[in-house]
Amino acid sequence: MDIKQQFVMREVAGEYLLIPVGKTSLDLNGMITLNELGAEIWKMLPEVKDEAEIVQRILADYDIDEATATADVAEFLGHIRELSIII
């Protein structure tokens, strides 16, 4: 999946933050807080081809049922699409 905006992810005091850099910092004020699953999905984005692949990786790494994984991934991707972070 293509990340459209420039962000760096940092872990600060047990919290995962997406921090806008470059031109993105001018367009988006503030940071985005991620939970553990959101951070894992973010790390996968450059190397996965679609949402289904993310779900399969989540199922392999976490003790979660497919319906919950699918819903969680869709919700996360929906939020970052709304912010025009991914295409």
PDB file of N, CA and C in Angstrom:
ATOM      1  N   MET A   1       0.850  -1.171   0.000  1.00  0.00           N
ATOM      2  CA  MET A   1       0.000   0.000   0.000  1.00  0.00           C
ATOM      3  C   MET A   1       0.897   1.236   0.000  1.00  0.00           C
ATOM      4  N   ASP A   2       0.447   2.253  -0.649  1.00  0.00           N
ATOM      5  CA  ASP A   2       1.253   3.465  -0.775  1.00  0.00           C
ATOM      6  C   ASP A   2       0.920   4.483   0.303  1.00  0.00           C
ATOM      7  N   ILE A   3       1.954   4.898   1.017  1.00  0.00           N
ATOM      8  CA  ILE A   3       1.811   5.958   2.005  1.00  0.00           C
ATOM      9  C   ILE A   3       2.035   7.268   1.265  1.00  0.00           C
ATOM     10  N   LYS A   4       1.020   8.121   1.287  1.00  0.00           N
ATOM     11  CA  LYS A   4       1.025   9.353   0.521  1.00  0.00           C
ATOM     12  C   LYS A   4       1.717  10.499   1.256  1.00  0.00           C
ATOM     13  N   GLN A   5       1.656  10.505   2.551  1.00  0.00           N
ATOM     14  CA  GLN A   5       2.204  11.587   3.362  1.00  0.00           C
ATOM     15  C   GLN A   5       3.505  11.135   4.028  1.00  0.00           C
ATOM     16  N   GLN A   6       4.271  12.106   4.525  1.00  0.00           N
ATOM     17  CA  GLN A   6       5.537  11.802   5.182  1.00  0.00           C
ATOM     18  C   GLN A   6       5.352  11.803   6.703  1.00  0.00           C
ATOM     19  N   PHE A   7       5.592  10.653   7.303  1.00  0.00           N
ATOM     20  CA  PHE A   7       5.503  10.494   8.752  1.00  0.00           C
ATOM     21  C   PHE A   7       6.664   9.648   9.237  1.00  0.00           C
ATOM     22  N   VAL A   8       7.030   9.856  10.480  1.00  0.00           N
ATOM     23  CA  VAL A   8       7.919   8.926  11.169  1.00  0.00           C
ATOM     24  C   VAL A   8       7.143   8.404  12.380  1.00  0.00           C
ATOM     25  N   MET A   9       7.355   7.144  12.694  1.00  0.00           N
ATOM     26  CA  MET A   9       6.710   6.574  13.873  1.00  0.00           C
ATOM     27  C   MET A   9       7.742   6.505  14.984  1.00  0.00           C
ATOM     28  N   ARG A  10       7.340   6.949  16.144  1.00  0.00           N
ATOM     29  CA  ARG A  10       8.195   6.912  17.324  1.00  0.00           C
ATOM     30  C   ARG A  10       7.422   6.302  18.479  1.00  0.00           C
ATOM     31  N   GLU A  11       8.139   5.595  19.340  1.00  0.00           N
ATOM     32  CA  GLU A  11       7.550   5.098  20.583  1.00  0.00           C
ATOM     33  C   GLU A  11       8.055   5.997  21.702  1.00  0.00           C
ATOM     34  N   VAL A  12       7.121   6.628  22.396  1.00  0.00           N
ATOM     35  CA  VAL A  12       7.451   7.548  23.475  1.00  0.00           C
ATOM     36  C   VAL A  12       6.651   7.143  24.698  1.00  0.00           C
ATOM     37  N   ALA A  13       7.341   6.763  25.757  1.00  0.00           N
ATOM     38  CA  ALA A  13       6.695   6.382  27.024  1.00  0.00           C
ATOM     39  C   ALA A  13       5.601   5.338  26.806  1.00  0.00           C
ATOM     40  N   GLY A  14       5.891   4.346  25.966  1.00  0.00           N
ATOM     41  CA  GLY A  14       4.945   3.267  25.727  1.00  0.00           C
ATOM     42  C   GLY A  14       3.827   3.597  24.761  1.00  0.00           C
ATOM     43  N   GLU A  15       3.820   4.805  24.212  1.00  0.00           N
ATOM     44  CA  GLU A  15       2.820   5.225  23.231  1.00  0.00           C
ATOM     45  C   GLU A  15       3.471   5.286  21.851  1.00  0.00           C
ATOM     46  N   TYR A  16       2.728   4.873  20.830  1.00  0.00           N
ATOM     47  CA  TYR A  16       3.220   4.977  19.459  1.00  0.00           C
ATOM     48  C   TYR A  16       2.638   6.228  18.836  1.00  0.00           C
ATOM     49  N   LEU A  17       3.510   7.041  18.244  1.00  0.00           N
ATOM     50  CA  LEU A  17       3.091   8.299  17.646  1.00  0.00           C
ATOM     51  C   LEU A  17       3.528   8.356  16.186  1.00  0.00           C
ATOM     52  N   LEU A  18       2.636   8.833  15.324  1.00  0.00           N
ATOM     53  CA  LEU A  18       2.998   9.174  13.956  1.00  0.00           C
ATOM     54  C   LEU A  18       3.213  10.674  13.941  1.00  0.00           C
ATOM     55  N   ILE A  19       4.404  11.072  13.578  1.00  0.00           N
ATOM     56  CA  ILE A  19       4.772  12.478  13.599  1.00  0.00           C
ATOM     57  C   ILE A  19       4.969  12.944  12.153  1.00  0.00           C
ATOM     58  N   PRO A  20       4.205  13.965  11.737  1.00  0.00           N
ATOM     59  CA  PRO A  20       4.368  14.447  10.367  1.00  0.00           C
ATOM     60  C   PRO A  20       5.706  15.158  10.201  1.00  0.00           C
ATOM     61  N   VAL A  21       6.327  14.962   9.045  1.00  0.00           N
ATOM     62  CA  VAL A  21       7.601  15.603   8.747  1.00  0.00           C
ATOM     63  C   VAL A  21       7.514  16.255   7.367  1.00  0.00           C
ATOM     64  N   GLY A  22       8.465  17.130   7.089  1.00  0.00           N
ATOM     65  CA  GLY A  22       8.504  17.784   5.783  1.00  0.00           C
ATOM     66  C   GLY A  22       7.236  18.560   5.505  1.00  0.00           C
ATOM     67  N   LYS A  23       6.788  18.525   4.264  1.00  0.00           N
ATOM     68  CA  LYS A  23       5.579  19.243   3.838  1.00  0.00           C
ATOM     69  C   LYS A  23       4.347  18.777   4.613  1.00  0.00           C
ATOM     70  N   THR A  24       4.321  17.525   5.001  1.00  0.00           N
ATOM     71  CA  THR A  24       3.184  16.991   5.752  1.00  0.00           C
ATOM     72  C   THR A  24       2.986  17.737   7.066  1.00  0.00           C
ATOM     73  N   SER A  25       4.068  18.176   7.686  1.00  0.00           N
ATOM     74  CA  SER A  25       3.940  18.892   8.959  1.00  0.00           C
ATOM     75  C   SER A  25       3.230  20.230   8.766  1.00  0.00           C
ATOM     76  N   LEU A  26       3.295  20.787   7.565  1.00  0.00           N
ATOM     77  CA  LEU A  26       2.578  22.024   7.271  1.00  0.00           C
ATOM     78  C   LEU A  26       1.092  21.768   7.034  1.00  0.00           C
ATOM     79  N   ASP A  27       0.781  20.602   6.467  1.00  0.00           N
ATOM     80  CA  ASP A  27      -0.605  20.260   6.129  1.00  0.00           C
ATOM     81  C   ASP A  27      -1.378  19.684   7.305  1.00  0.00           C
ATOM     82  N   LEU A  28      -0.702  19.002   8.190  1.00  0.00           N
ATOM     83  CA  LEU A  28      -1.370  18.318   9.296  1.00  0.00           C
ATOM     84  C   LEU A  28      -0.744  18.756  10.611  1.00  0.00           C
ATOM     85  N   ASN A  29      -1.491  19.485  11.386  1.00  0.00           N
ATOM     86  CA  ASN A  29      -0.998  19.938  12.693  1.00  0.00           C
ATOM     87  C   ASN A  29      -1.199  18.840  13.717  1.00  0.00           C
ATOM     88  N   GLY A  30      -0.174  18.534  14.471  1.00  0.00           N
ATOM     89  CA  GLY A  30      -0.290  17.545  15.530  1.00  0.00           C
ATOM     90  C   GLY A  30       0.216  16.187  15.136  1.00  0.00           C
ATOM     91  N   MET A  31       0.083  15.270  16.067  1.00  0.00           N
ATOM     92  CA  MET A  31       0.553  13.899  15.887  1.00  0.00           C
ATOM     93  C   MET A  31      -0.642  12.962  15.939  1.00  0.00           C
ATOM     94  N   ILE A  32      -0.425  11.746  15.496  1.00  0.00           N
ATOM     95  CA  ILE A  32      -1.451  10.711  15.532  1.00  0.00           C
ATOM     96  C   ILE A  32      -0.977   9.637  16.494  1.00  0.00           C
ATOM     97  N   THR A  33      -1.801   9.316  17.469  1.00  0.00           N
ATOM     98  CA  THR A  33      -1.475   8.273  18.431  1.00  0.00           C
ATOM     99  C   THR A  33      -1.997   6.939  17.910  1.00  0.00           C
ATOM    100  N   LEU A  34      -1.154   5.923  17.977  1.00  0.00           N
ATOM    101  CA  LEU A  34      -1.524   4.580  17.531  1.00  0.00           C
ATOM    102  C   LEU A  34      -1.501   3.619  18.711  1.00  0.00           C
ATOM    103  N   ASN A  35      -2.398   2.627  18.674  1.00  0.00           N
ATOM    104  CA  ASN A  35      -2.277   1.537  19.634  1.00  0.00           C
ATOM    105  C   ASN A  35      -1.296   0.514  19.054  1.00  0.00           C
ATOM    106  N   GLU A  36      -1.072  -0.565  19.774  1.00  0.00           N
ATOM    107  CA  GLU A  36      -0.088  -1.561  19.328  1.00  0.00           C
ATOM    108  C   GLU A  36      -0.436  -2.129  17.958  1.00  0.00           C
ATOM    109  N   LEU A  37      -1.712  -2.450  17.739  1.00  0.00           N
ATOM    110  CA  LEU A  37      -2.116  -3.009  16.456  1.00  0.00           C
ATOM    111  C   LEU A  37      -1.947  -1.985  15.335  1.00  0.00           C
ATOM    112  N   GLY A  38      -2.306  -0.744  15.604  1.00  0.00           N
ATOM    113  CA  GLY A  38      -2.126   0.309  14.609  1.00  0.00           C
ATOM    114  C   GLY A  38      -0.670   0.465  14.232  1.00  0.00           C
ATOM    115  N   ALA A  39       0.220   0.387  15.221  1.00  0.00           N
ATOM    116  CA  ALA A  39       1.657   0.488  14.960  1.00  0.00           C
ATOM    117  C   ALA A  39       2.134  -0.676  14.092  1.00  0.00           C
ATOM    118  N   GLU A  40       1.633  -1.871  14.373  1.00  0.00           N
ATOM    119  CA  GLU A  40       2.020  -3.039  13.563  1.00  0.00           C
ATOM    120  C   GLU A  40       1.523  -2.890  12.126  1.00  0.00           C
ATOM    121  N   ILE A  41       0.304  -2.427  11.966  1.00  0.00           N
ATOM    122  CA  ILE A  41      -0.233  -2.222  10.618  1.00  0.00           C
ATOM    123  C   ILE A  41       0.599  -1.174   9.890  1.00  0.00           C
ATOM    124  N   TRP A  42       0.925  -0.076  10.568  1.00  0.00           N
ATOM    125  CA  TRP A  42       1.724   0.983   9.951  1.00  0.00           C
ATOM    126  C   TRP A  42       3.046   0.430   9.427  1.00  0.00           C
ATOM    127  N   LYS A  43       3.695  -0.422  10.212  1.00  0.00           N
ATOM    128  CA  LYS A  43       4.975  -1.006   9.795  1.00  0.00           C
ATOM    129  C   LYS A  43       4.817  -1.873   8.548  1.00  0.00           C
ATOM    130  N   MET A  44       3.649  -2.496   8.393  1.00  0.00           N
ATOM    131  CA  MET A  44       3.403  -3.385   7.254  1.00  0.00           C
ATOM    132  C   MET A  44       3.109  -2.642   5.952  1.00  0.00           C
ATOM    133  N   LEU A  45       2.576  -1.445   6.043  1.00  0.00           N
ATOM    134  CA  LEU A  45       2.046  -0.758   4.868  1.00  0.00           C
ATOM    135  C   LEU A  45       2.977  -0.714   3.660  1.00  0.00           C
ATOM    136  N   PRO A  46       4.249  -0.415   3.814  1.00  0.00           N
ATOM    137  CA  PRO A  46       5.101  -0.334   2.622  1.00  0.00           C
ATOM    138  C   PRO A  46       5.286  -1.669   1.892  1.00  0.00           C
ATOM    139  N   GLU A  47       5.056  -2.776   2.572  1.00  0.00           N
ATOM    140  CA  GLU A  47       5.367  -4.067   1.950  1.00  0.00           C
ATOM    141  C   GLU A  47       4.153  -4.926   1.613  1.00  0.00           C
ATOM    142  N   VAL A  48       2.950  -4.497   1.970  1.00  0.00           N
ATOM    143  CA  VAL A  48       1.766  -5.304   1.666  1.00  0.00           C
ATOM    144  C   VAL A  48       1.055  -4.761   0.436  1.00  0.00           C
ATOM    145  N   LYS A  49       0.318  -5.661  -0.239  1.00  0.00           N
ATOM    146  CA  LYS A  49      -0.371  -5.227  -1.451  1.00  0.00           C
ATOM    147  C   LYS A  49      -1.814  -4.813  -1.199  1.00  0.00           C
ATOM    148  N   ASP A  50      -2.431  -5.375  -0.143  1.00  0.00           N
ATOM    149  CA  ASP A  50      -3.827  -5.029   0.093  1.00  0.00           C
ATOM    150  C   ASP A  50      -4.250  -5.323   1.534  1.00  0.00           C
ATOM    151  N   GLU A  51      -5.484  -4.958   1.830  1.00  0.00           N
ATOM    152  CA  GLU A  51      -6.042  -5.116   3.168  1.00  0.00           C
ATOM    153  C   GLU A  51      -6.091  -6.585   3.602  1.00  0.00           C
ATOM    154  N   ALA A  52      -6.404  -7.474   2.678  1.00  0.00           N
ATOM    155  CA  ALA A  52      -6.491  -8.904   2.999  1.00  0.00           C
ATOM    156  C   ALA A  52      -5.149  -9.449   3.491  1.00  0.00           C
ATOM    157  N   GLU A  53      -4.066  -8.972   2.902  1.00  0.00           N
ATOM    158  CA  GLU A  53      -2.744  -9.424   3.334  1.00  0.00           C
ATOM    159  C   GLU A  53      -2.444  -8.951   4.757  1.00  0.00           C
ATOM    160  N   ILE A  54      -2.866  -7.736   5.077  1.00  0.00           N
ATOM    161  CA  ILE A  54      -2.677  -7.231   6.441  1.00  0.00           C
ATOM    162  C   ILE A  54      -3.441  -8.110   7.421  1.00  0.00           C
ATOM    163  N   VAL A  55      -4.686  -8.437   7.094  1.00  0.00           N
ATOM    164  CA  VAL A  55      -5.511  -9.275   7.971  1.00  0.00           C
ATOM    165  C   VAL A  55      -4.835 -10.622   8.187  1.00  0.00           C
ATOM    166  N   GLN A  56      -4.322 -11.224   7.131  1.00  0.00           N
ATOM    167  CA  GLN A  56      -3.670 -12.535   7.260  1.00  0.00           C
ATOM    168  C   GLN A  56      -2.442 -12.459   8.161  1.00  0.00           C
ATOM    169  N   ARG A  57      -1.679 -11.399   8.049  1.00  0.00           N
ATOM    170  CA  ARG A  57      -0.503 -11.238   8.916  1.00  0.00           C
ATOM    171  C   ARG A  57      -0.906 -11.032  10.370  1.00  0.00           C
ATOM    172  N   ILE A  58      -1.968 -10.272  10.581  1.00  0.00           N
ATOM    173  CA  ILE A  58      -2.461 -10.041  11.943  1.00  0.00           C
ATOM    174  C   ILE A  58      -2.922 -11.366  12.548  1.00  0.00           C
ATOM    175  N   LEU A  59      -3.638 -12.171  11.767  1.00  0.00           N
ATOM    176  CA  LEU A  59      -4.116 -13.465  12.252  1.00  0.00           C
ATOM    177  C   LEU A  59      -2.950 -14.384  12.615  1.00  0.00           C
ATOM    178  N   ALA A  60      -1.858 -14.292  11.872  1.00  0.00           N
ATOM    179  CA  ALA A  60      -0.694 -15.141  12.148  1.00  0.00           C
ATOM    180  C   ALA A  60       0.043 -14.702  13.415  1.00  0.00           C
ATOM    181  N   ASP A  61      -0.028 -13.402  13.738  1.00  0.00           N
ATOM    182  CA  ASP A  61       0.756 -12.866  14.853  1.00  0.00           C
ATOM    183  C   ASP A  61      -0.025 -12.667  16.148  1.00  0.00           C
ATOM    184  N   TYR A  62      -1.347 -12.589  16.067  1.00  0.00           N
ATOM    185  CA  TYR A  62      -2.154 -12.275  17.248  1.00  0.00           C
ATOM    186  C   TYR A  62      -3.219 -13.338  17.463  1.00  0.00           C
ATOM    187  N   ASP A  63      -3.610 -13.504  18.697  1.00  0.00           N
ATOM    188  CA  ASP A  63      -4.697 -14.415  19.048  1.00  0.00           C
ATOM    189  C   ASP A  63      -6.011 -13.641  18.918  1.00  0.00           C
ATOM    190  N   ILE A  64      -6.520 -13.563  17.683  1.00  0.00           N
ATOM    191  CA  ILE A  64      -7.702 -12.774  17.365  1.00  0.00           C
ATOM    192  C   ILE A  64      -8.483 -13.510  16.282  1.00  0.00           C
ATOM    193  N   ASP A  65      -9.799 -13.389  16.312  1.00  0.00           N
ATOM    194  CA  ASP A  65     -10.592 -14.063  15.290  1.00  0.00           C
ATOM    195  C   ASP A  65     -10.610 -13.210  14.018  1.00  0.00           C
ATOM    196  N   GLU A  66     -10.922 -13.854  12.901  1.00  0.00           N
ATOM    197  CA  GLU A  66     -10.839 -13.196  11.596  1.00  0.00           C
ATOM    198  C   GLU A  66     -11.797 -12.016  11.470  1.00  0.00           C
ATOM    199  N   ALA A  67     -12.997 -12.143  12.001  1.00  0.00           N
ATOM    200  CA  ALA A  67     -13.972 -11.046  11.910  1.00  0.00           C
ATOM    201  C   ALA A  67     -13.476  -9.802  12.636  1.00  0.00           C
ATOM    202  N   THR A  68     -12.909  -9.989  13.821  1.00  0.00           N
ATOM    203  CA  THR A  68     -12.389  -8.857  14.594  1.00  0.00           C
ATOM    204  C   THR A  68     -11.184  -8.247  13.895  1.00  0.00           C
ATOM    205  N   ALA A  69     -10.281  -9.088  13.395  1.00  0.00           N
ATOM    206  CA  ALA A  69      -9.097  -8.585  12.689  1.00  0.00           C
ATOM    207  C   ALA A  69      -9.509  -7.791  11.450  1.00  0.00           C
ATOM    208  N   THR A  70     -10.456  -8.309  10.697  1.00  0.00           N
ATOM    209  CA  THR A  70     -10.925  -7.633   9.492  1.00  0.00           C
ATOM    210  C   THR A  70     -11.537  -6.280   9.829  1.00  0.00           C
ATOM    211  N   ALA A  71     -12.366  -6.249  10.867  1.00  0.00           N
ATOM    212  CA  ALA A  71     -13.011  -4.996  11.278  1.00  0.00           C
ATOM    213  C   ALA A  71     -11.983  -3.988  11.784  1.00  0.00           C
ATOM    214  N   ASP A  72     -11.027  -4.438  12.588  1.00  0.00           N
ATOM    215  CA  ASP A  72     -10.008  -3.539  13.135  1.00  0.00           C
ATOM    216  C   ASP A  72      -9.121  -2.956  12.036  1.00  0.00           C
ATOM    217  N   VAL A  73      -8.722  -3.802  11.097  1.00  0.00           N
ATOM    218  CA  VAL A  73      -7.880  -3.334   9.996  1.00  0.00           C
ATOM    219  C   VAL A  73      -8.655  -2.337   9.132  1.00  0.00           C
ATOM    220  N   ALA A  74      -9.909  -2.650   8.828  1.00  0.00           N
ATOM    221  CA  ALA A  74     -10.736  -1.742   8.017  1.00  0.00           C
ATOM    222  C   ALA A  74     -10.919  -0.399   8.714  1.00  0.00           C
ATOM    223  N   GLU A  75     -11.135  -0.424  10.018  1.00  0.00           N
ATOM    224  CA  GLU A  75     -11.315   0.819  10.771  1.00  0.00           C
ATOM    225  C   GLU A  75     -10.039   1.664  10.732  1.00  0.00           C
ATOM    226  N   PHE A  76      -8.894   1.044  10.987  1.00  0.00           N
ATOM    227  CA  PHE A  76      -7.625   1.774  10.978  1.00  0.00           C
ATOM    228  C   PHE A  76      -7.350   2.369   9.600  1.00  0.00           C
ATOM    229  N   LEU A  77      -7.471   1.538   8.557  1.00  0.00           N
ATOM    230  CA  LEU A  77      -7.203   2.027   7.207  1.00  0.00           C
ATOM    231  C   LEU A  77      -8.191   3.117   6.810  1.00  0.00           C
ATOM    232  N   GLY A  78      -9.434   2.986   7.255  1.00  0.00           N
ATOM    233  CA  GLY A  78     -10.429   4.016   6.978  1.00  0.00           C
ATOM    234  C   GLY A  78     -10.037   5.354   7.571  1.00  0.00           C
ATOM    235  N   HIS A  79      -9.551   5.340   8.810  1.00  0.00           N
ATOM    236  CA  HIS A  79      -9.128   6.579   9.462  1.00  0.00           C
ATOM    237  C   HIS A  79      -7.960   7.231   8.721  1.00  0.00           C
ATOM    238  N   ILE A  80      -6.970   6.446   8.362  1.00  0.00           N
ATOM    239  CA  ILE A  80      -5.814   7.070   7.711  1.00  0.00           C
ATOM    240  C   ILE A  80      -6.120   7.450   6.254  1.00  0.00           C
ATOM    241  N   ARG A  81      -7.098   6.778   5.639  1.00  0.00           N
ATOM    242  CA  ARG A  81      -7.546   7.228   4.313  1.00  0.00           C
ATOM    243  C   ARG A  81      -8.258   8.577   4.409  1.00  0.00           C
ATOM    244  N   GLU A  82      -9.080   8.748   5.451  1.00  0.00           N
ATOM    245  CA  GLU A  82      -9.779  10.022   5.663  1.00  0.00           C
ATOM    246  C   GLU A  82      -8.802  11.185   5.796  1.00  0.00           C
ATOM    247  N   LEU A  83      -7.654  10.920   6.381  1.00  0.00           N
ATOM    248  CA  LEU A  83      -6.619  11.936   6.543  1.00  0.00           C
ATOM    249  C   LEU A  83      -5.713  12.049   5.313  1.00  0.00           C
ATOM    250  N   SER A  84      -6.032  11.295   4.272  1.00  0.00           N
ATOM    251  CA  SER A  84      -5.252  11.273   3.029  1.00  0.00           C
ATOM    252  C   SER A  84      -3.804  10.852   3.263  1.00  0.00           C
ATOM    253  N   ILE A  85      -3.620   9.925   4.206  1.00  0.00           N
ATOM    254  CA  ILE A  85      -2.271   9.434   4.488  1.00  0.00           C
ATOM    255  C   ILE A  85      -1.887   8.297   3.538  1.00  0.00           C
ATOM    256  N   ILE A  86      -2.874   7.481   3.184  1.00  0.00           N
ATOM    257  CA  ILE A  86      -2.621   6.418   2.201  1.00  0.00           C
ATOM    258  C   ILE A  86      -3.567   6.594   1.021  1.00  0.00           C
ATOM    259  N   ILE A  87      -3.183   5.987  -0.061  1.00  0.00           N
ATOM    260  CA  ILE A  87      -4.001   6.044  -1.276  1.00  0.00           C
ATOM    261  C   ILE A  87      -4.953   4.862  -1.281  1.00  0.00           C
TER     262      ILE A  87
END
